[in-house]
Each structure stands twice: as C-alpha cells, then as structure tokens.
Amino acid sequence: MVKKQSISSLKKIVSILKQKGKTIVFTNGCFDLIHPGHIKIIKEAKKKGDVLIVGLNSDKSVKKIKGKTRPLLNQKARATILSAIQYIDYLTIFDQKTPYLLIKALKPDILVKGQDWPKDKIIGRKLVKKIVQIKISPGYSTTNTIKKIKKHG
C-alpha cells in the first residue's frame, strides 16, 4: 500500500532507507488522467531499485504548467488513484513548477523519466547518481485525450 507522506517526513524515511542500503528511485508528474503510459513508466521505475517515490504536482503546480483549465482531477483525487498503484511505495505532493527542490531534499539514487524528455532538460539530473529514461507508450497523452473528447463531445 502506498504511503502518502509530507516532504519532511519522507526526507527522514529516505535517510533511514539509505542507511539500510536501499536504492531509492524517484519519478514525478501531473498524472491528471492516468493512462497506460503512466502505468508503464511507474512499473518500469519500480524495477530500477528497492523503493519508488512518486512526486505529484499539486493543483497549483499543474495550473502553472498546463494552464488554468487543468488539472481535470484535483490533487486529492489524483493522489487517491496513484495510491492504488502497487508499484509505488511513497507518494508526496509538491507545489513548485518543477520537482527540483523535492529531488534536492530527498536525494534519490535514480531519477526516472520518459524518453520524450531530452536528457539535458530533465530537472534534477545533476542531483542523482543515475538517470533512467523509459520508452514511452505511443498514443497516450492526457492533453491529446482532452483534445479527442472535445472534438467528439
């Protein structure tokens, strides 16, 4: 079961886990409408280490990134959905536009993003030991799903 944590609590937990020799993996996103592409990245991220932490963009953060009409689902709903995903060990919500401060605080060993991110644009890349890019599933995009609904709605 996923444990939702504040950043300060999670920082302490990560410290203890690292002392026990655990490899900490981190990924993040808006996760506005969960789709198979999200699940694939989360599942593959979990395989890269012992503990998977997911940083969820808050509603405020999503609006900064995606615009005033987003998110479609509020952070509580998105966190509830993510909490049901068996591959995630810990979940935390952050307000900033990027996860830089969160990554800096947690110091994960591995940072996972989709291959659609150019390596030099991955936020926090210099703060971790390793970056892993997962091949994205073509045809899955929340933004494109919204466009499709508007077109056919």
C-alpha atoms as a PDB file:
ATOM      1  CA  MET A   1       0.000   0.000   0.000  1.00  0.00           C
ATOM      2  CA  VAL A   2       1.279   3.446  -0.945  1.00  0.00           C
ATOM      3  CA  LYS A   3       2.132   5.699   1.928  1.00  0.00           C
ATOM      4  CA  LYS A   4       1.391   9.390   1.293  1.00  0.00           C
ATOM      5  CA  GLN A   5       3.963  11.488   3.132  1.00  0.00           C
ATOM      6  CA  SER A   6       4.858  15.097   3.684  1.00  0.00           C
ATOM      7  CA  ILE A   7       8.202  16.073   2.199  1.00  0.00           C
ATOM      8  CA  SER A   8       9.795  16.470   5.644  1.00  0.00           C
ATOM      9  CA  SER A   9       8.606  13.009   6.787  1.00  0.00           C
ATOM     10  CA  LEU A  10       9.711  11.455   3.525  1.00  0.00           C
ATOM     11  CA  LYS A  11      13.153  13.024   3.859  1.00  0.00           C
ATOM     12  CA  LYS A  12      13.611  11.201   7.200  1.00  0.00           C
ATOM     13  CA  ILE A  13      12.287   7.924   5.782  1.00  0.00           C
ATOM     14  CA  VAL A  14      14.662   8.124   2.793  1.00  0.00           C
ATOM     15  CA  SER A  15      17.598   8.725   5.123  1.00  0.00           C
ATOM     16  CA  ILE A  16      16.753   5.576   7.103  1.00  0.00           C
ATOM     17  CA  LEU A  17      16.207   3.515   3.952  1.00  0.00           C
ATOM     18  CA  LYS A  18      19.554   4.632   2.510  1.00  0.00           C
ATOM     19  CA  GLN A  19      21.292   3.677   5.767  1.00  0.00           C
ATOM     20  CA  LYS A  20      19.815   0.207   5.234  1.00  0.00           C
ATOM     21  CA  GLY A  21      21.373   0.105   1.757  1.00  0.00           C
ATOM     22  CA  LYS A  22      18.133   0.565  -0.185  1.00  0.00           C
ATOM     23  CA  THR A  23      18.200   2.088  -3.673  1.00  0.00           C
ATOM     24  CA  ILE A  24      15.739   4.987  -3.913  1.00  0.00           C
ATOM     25  CA  VAL A  25      14.036   5.651  -7.252  1.00  0.00           C
ATOM     26  CA  PHE A  26      12.091   8.831  -7.980  1.00  0.00           C
ATOM     27  CA  THR A  27       9.723   9.911 -10.713  1.00  0.00           C
ATOM     28  CA  ASN A  28       7.175  12.670 -10.901  1.00  0.00           C
ATOM     29  CA  GLY A  29       4.334  14.081 -12.902  1.00  0.00           C
ATOM     30  CA  CYS A  30       0.923  15.720 -13.046  1.00  0.00           C
ATOM     31  CA  PHE A  31      -0.863  12.384 -13.588  1.00  0.00           C
ATOM     32  CA  ASP A  32      -4.030  14.270 -14.500  1.00  0.00           C
ATOM     33  CA  LEU A  33      -5.767  11.365 -16.227  1.00  0.00           C
ATOM     34  CA  ILE A  34      -3.944   8.141 -15.503  1.00  0.00           C
ATOM     35  CA  HIS A  35      -3.353   6.182 -18.703  1.00  0.00           C
ATOM     36  CA  PRO A  36      -1.335   3.078 -19.709  1.00  0.00           C
ATOM     37  CA  GLY A  37       1.714   5.243 -20.484  1.00  0.00           C
ATOM     38  CA  HIS A  38       1.816   6.427 -16.864  1.00  0.00           C
ATOM     39  CA  ILE A  39       1.460   2.878 -15.568  1.00  0.00           C
ATOM     40  CA  LYS A  40       4.294   1.653 -17.798  1.00  0.00           C
ATOM     41  CA  ILE A  41       6.708   4.340 -16.539  1.00  0.00           C
ATOM     42  CA  ILE A  42       5.745   3.706 -12.905  1.00  0.00           C
ATOM     43  CA  LYS A  43       6.081  -0.082 -13.303  1.00  0.00           C
ATOM     44  CA  GLU A  44       9.458   0.205 -15.045  1.00  0.00           C
ATOM     45  CA  ALA A  45      10.673   2.759 -12.476  1.00  0.00           C
ATOM     46  CA  LYS A  46       9.895   0.324  -9.653  1.00  0.00           C
ATOM     47  CA  LYS A  47      12.131  -2.296 -11.302  1.00  0.00           C
ATOM     48  CA  LYS A  48      15.143   0.052 -11.092  1.00  0.00           C
ATOM     49  CA  GLY A  49      15.517  -0.006  -7.316  1.00  0.00           C
ATOM     50  CA  ASP A  50      14.126  -1.017  -3.946  1.00  0.00           C
ATOM     51  CA  VAL A  51      11.825   1.902  -3.165  1.00  0.00           C
ATOM     52  CA  LEU A  52       9.813   4.027  -5.598  1.00  0.00           C
ATOM     53  CA  ILE A  53       8.810   7.543  -4.636  1.00  0.00           C
ATOM     54  CA  VAL A  54       6.400   9.475  -6.839  1.00  0.00           C
ATOM     55  CA  GLY A  55       6.247  13.251  -6.682  1.00  0.00           C
ATOM     56  CA  LEU A  56       2.796  14.509  -7.647  1.00  0.00           C
ATOM     57  CA  ASN A  57       2.375  18.056  -8.912  1.00  0.00           C
ATOM     58  CA  SER A  58      -0.182  19.895  -6.761  1.00  0.00           C
ATOM     59  CA  ASP A  59      -3.193  21.585  -8.340  1.00  0.00           C
ATOM     60  CA  LYS A  60      -1.360  24.914  -8.084  1.00  0.00           C
ATOM     61  CA  SER A  61       1.689  23.425  -9.802  1.00  0.00           C
ATOM     62  CA  VAL A  62      -0.346  21.824 -12.609  1.00  0.00           C
ATOM     63  CA  LYS A  63      -2.028  25.174 -13.352  1.00  0.00           C
ATOM     64  CA  LYS A  64       1.430  26.764 -13.711  1.00  0.00           C
ATOM     65  CA  ILE A  65       2.456  24.079 -16.202  1.00  0.00           C
ATOM     66  CA  LYS A  66      -0.730  23.209 -18.102  1.00  0.00           C
ATOM     67  CA  GLY A  67      -2.860  26.360 -17.752  1.00  0.00           C
ATOM     68  CA  LYS A  68      -5.914  27.474 -15.808  1.00  0.00           C
ATOM     69  CA  THR A  69      -8.231  24.710 -17.098  1.00  0.00           C
ATOM     70  CA  ARG A  70      -6.074  21.972 -15.602  1.00  0.00           C
ATOM     71  CA  PRO A  71      -5.923  19.729 -13.705  1.00  0.00           C
ATOM     72  CA  LEU A  72      -9.123  17.916 -14.598  1.00  0.00           C
ATOM     73  CA  LEU A  73      -8.903  15.915 -11.378  1.00  0.00           C
ATOM     74  CA  ASN A  74      -7.854  17.666  -8.176  1.00  0.00           C
ATOM     75  CA  GLN A  75      -4.747  16.594  -6.281  1.00  0.00           C
ATOM     76  CA  LYS A  76      -6.722  14.599  -3.726  1.00  0.00           C
ATOM     77  CA  ALA A  77      -8.357  12.536  -6.496  1.00  0.00           C
ATOM     78  CA  ARG A  78      -5.058  12.079  -8.341  1.00  0.00           C
ATOM     79  CA  ALA A  79      -3.302  11.041  -5.119  1.00  0.00           C
ATOM     80  CA  THR A  80      -6.075   8.536  -4.373  1.00  0.00           C
ATOM     81  CA  ILE A  81      -5.689   6.942  -7.811  1.00  0.00           C
ATOM     82  CA  LEU A  82      -1.884   6.817  -7.544  1.00  0.00           C
ATOM     83  CA  SER A  83      -2.164   5.333  -4.046  1.00  0.00           C
ATOM     84  CA  ALA A  84      -3.878   2.297  -5.560  1.00  0.00           C
ATOM     85  CA  ILE A  85      -0.920   1.527  -7.840  1.00  0.00           C
ATOM     86  CA  GLN A  86       1.040  -1.354  -6.329  1.00  0.00           C
ATOM     87  CA  TYR A  87       4.422  -0.294  -7.692  1.00  0.00           C
ATOM     88  CA  ILE A  88       4.531   2.995  -5.751  1.00  0.00           C
ATOM     89  CA  ASP A  89       5.949   2.859  -2.233  1.00  0.00           C
ATOM     90  CA  TYR A  90       5.663   6.529  -1.266  1.00  0.00           C
ATOM     91  CA  LEU A  91       3.806   9.498  -2.680  1.00  0.00           C
ATOM     92  CA  THR A  92       4.295  13.161  -1.945  1.00  0.00           C
ATOM     93  CA  ILE A  93       2.731  16.312  -3.375  1.00  0.00           C
ATOM     94  CA  PHE A  94       4.774  19.373  -4.308  1.00  0.00           C
ATOM     95  CA  ASP A  95       3.701  22.941  -5.183  1.00  0.00           C
ATOM     96  CA  GLN A  96       6.623  24.109  -7.301  1.00  0.00           C
ATOM     97  CA  LYS A  97       6.535  24.101 -11.099  1.00  0.00           C
ATOM     98  CA  THR A  98       9.420  21.600 -11.118  1.00  0.00           C
ATOM     99  CA  PRO A  99      10.469  18.855  -8.675  1.00  0.00           C
ATOM    100  CA  TYR A 100      13.966  20.332  -8.262  1.00  0.00           C
ATOM    101  CA  LEU A 101      13.597  21.223  -4.553  1.00  0.00           C
ATOM    102  CA  LEU A 102      11.963  17.870  -3.836  1.00  0.00           C
ATOM    103  CA  ILE A 103      14.754  15.950  -5.562  1.00  0.00           C
ATOM    104  CA  LYS A 104      17.326  18.079  -3.753  1.00  0.00           C
ATOM    105  CA  ALA A 105      15.670  17.301  -0.399  1.00  0.00           C
ATOM    106  CA  LEU A 106      15.222  13.569  -0.972  1.00  0.00           C
ATOM    107  CA  LYS A 107      18.471  12.831  -2.828  1.00  0.00           C
ATOM    108  CA  PRO A 108      17.196   9.715  -4.624  1.00  0.00           C
ATOM    109  CA  ASP A 109      19.723   7.421  -6.266  1.00  0.00           C
ATOM    110  CA  ILE A 110      17.875   7.106  -9.565  1.00  0.00           C
ATOM    111  CA  LEU A 111      15.659   9.547 -11.424  1.00  0.00           C
ATOM    112  CA  VAL A 112      13.217   8.082 -13.970  1.00  0.00           C
ATOM    113  CA  LYS A 113      11.541   9.990 -16.799  1.00  0.00           C
ATOM    114  CA  GLY A 114      10.043   9.122 -20.150  1.00  0.00           C
ATOM    115  CA  GLN A 115      12.223   9.148 -23.268  1.00  0.00           C
ATOM    116  CA  ASP A 116      10.212  12.117 -24.508  1.00  0.00           C
ATOM    117  CA  TRP A 117      12.326  14.258 -22.159  1.00  0.00           C
ATOM    118  CA  PRO A 118      15.695  15.345 -23.606  1.00  0.00           C
ATOM    119  CA  LYS A 119      18.339  14.314 -21.051  1.00  0.00           C
ATOM    120  CA  ASP A 120      19.660  17.865 -20.723  1.00  0.00           C
ATOM    121  CA  LYS A 121      16.135  19.090 -19.821  1.00  0.00           C
ATOM    122  CA  ILE A 122      15.500  16.593 -17.023  1.00  0.00           C
ATOM    123  CA  ILE A 123      15.129  18.571 -13.816  1.00  0.00           C
ATOM    124  CA  GLY A 124      17.393  17.277 -11.042  1.00  0.00           C
ATOM    125  CA  ARG A 125      19.675  15.299 -13.352  1.00  0.00           C
ATOM    126  CA  LYS A 126      22.796  16.635 -11.604  1.00  0.00           C
ATOM    127  CA  LEU A 127      21.469  15.693  -8.148  1.00  0.00           C
ATOM    128  CA  VAL A 128      21.242  11.930  -8.690  1.00  0.00           C
ATOM    129  CA  LYS A 129      23.652   9.085  -9.377  1.00  0.00           C
ATOM    130  CA  LYS A 130      21.757   7.818 -12.404  1.00  0.00           C
ATOM    131  CA  ILE A 131      19.041   8.841 -14.849  1.00  0.00           C
ATOM    132  CA  VAL A 132      16.892   6.190 -16.492  1.00  0.00           C
ATOM    133  CA  GLN A 133      14.656   7.039 -19.419  1.00  0.00           C
ATOM    134  CA  ILE A 134      11.748   4.727 -20.148  1.00  0.00           C
ATOM    135  CA  LYS A 135      10.436   4.258 -23.673  1.00  0.00           C
ATOM    136  CA  ILE A 136       7.055   5.938 -23.774  1.00  0.00           C
ATOM    137  CA  SER A 137       3.923   4.211 -24.992  1.00  0.00           C
ATOM    138  CA  PRO A 138       2.853   5.894 -28.237  1.00  0.00           C
ATOM    139  CA  GLY A 139      -0.672   7.241 -28.426  1.00  0.00           C
ATOM    140  CA  TYR A 140      -1.111   8.014 -24.738  1.00  0.00           C
ATOM    141  CA  SER A 141      -1.268  11.630 -23.658  1.00  0.00           C
ATOM    142  CA  THR A 142      -3.673  13.380 -21.294  1.00  0.00           C
ATOM    143  CA  THR A 143      -3.566  16.518 -23.442  1.00  0.00           C
ATOM    144  CA  ASN A 144      -4.384  14.519 -26.590  1.00  0.00           C
ATOM    145  CA  THR A 145      -7.180  12.670 -24.780  1.00  0.00           C
ATOM    146  CA  ILE A 146      -8.724  16.004 -23.795  1.00  0.00           C
ATOM    147  CA  LYS A 147      -8.494  17.206 -27.409  1.00  0.00           C
ATOM    148  CA  LYS A 148     -10.163  13.997 -28.607  1.00  0.00           C
ATOM    149  CA  ILE A 149     -13.003  14.376 -26.083  1.00  0.00           C
ATOM    150  CA  LYS A 150     -13.580  17.998 -27.112  1.00  0.00           C
ATOM    151  CA  LYS A 151     -13.594  17.030 -30.796  1.00  0.00           C
ATOM    152  CA  HIS A 152     -16.096  14.180 -30.329  1.00  0.00           C
ATOM    153  CA  GLY A 153     -18.010  15.639 -27.374  1.00  0.00           C
END
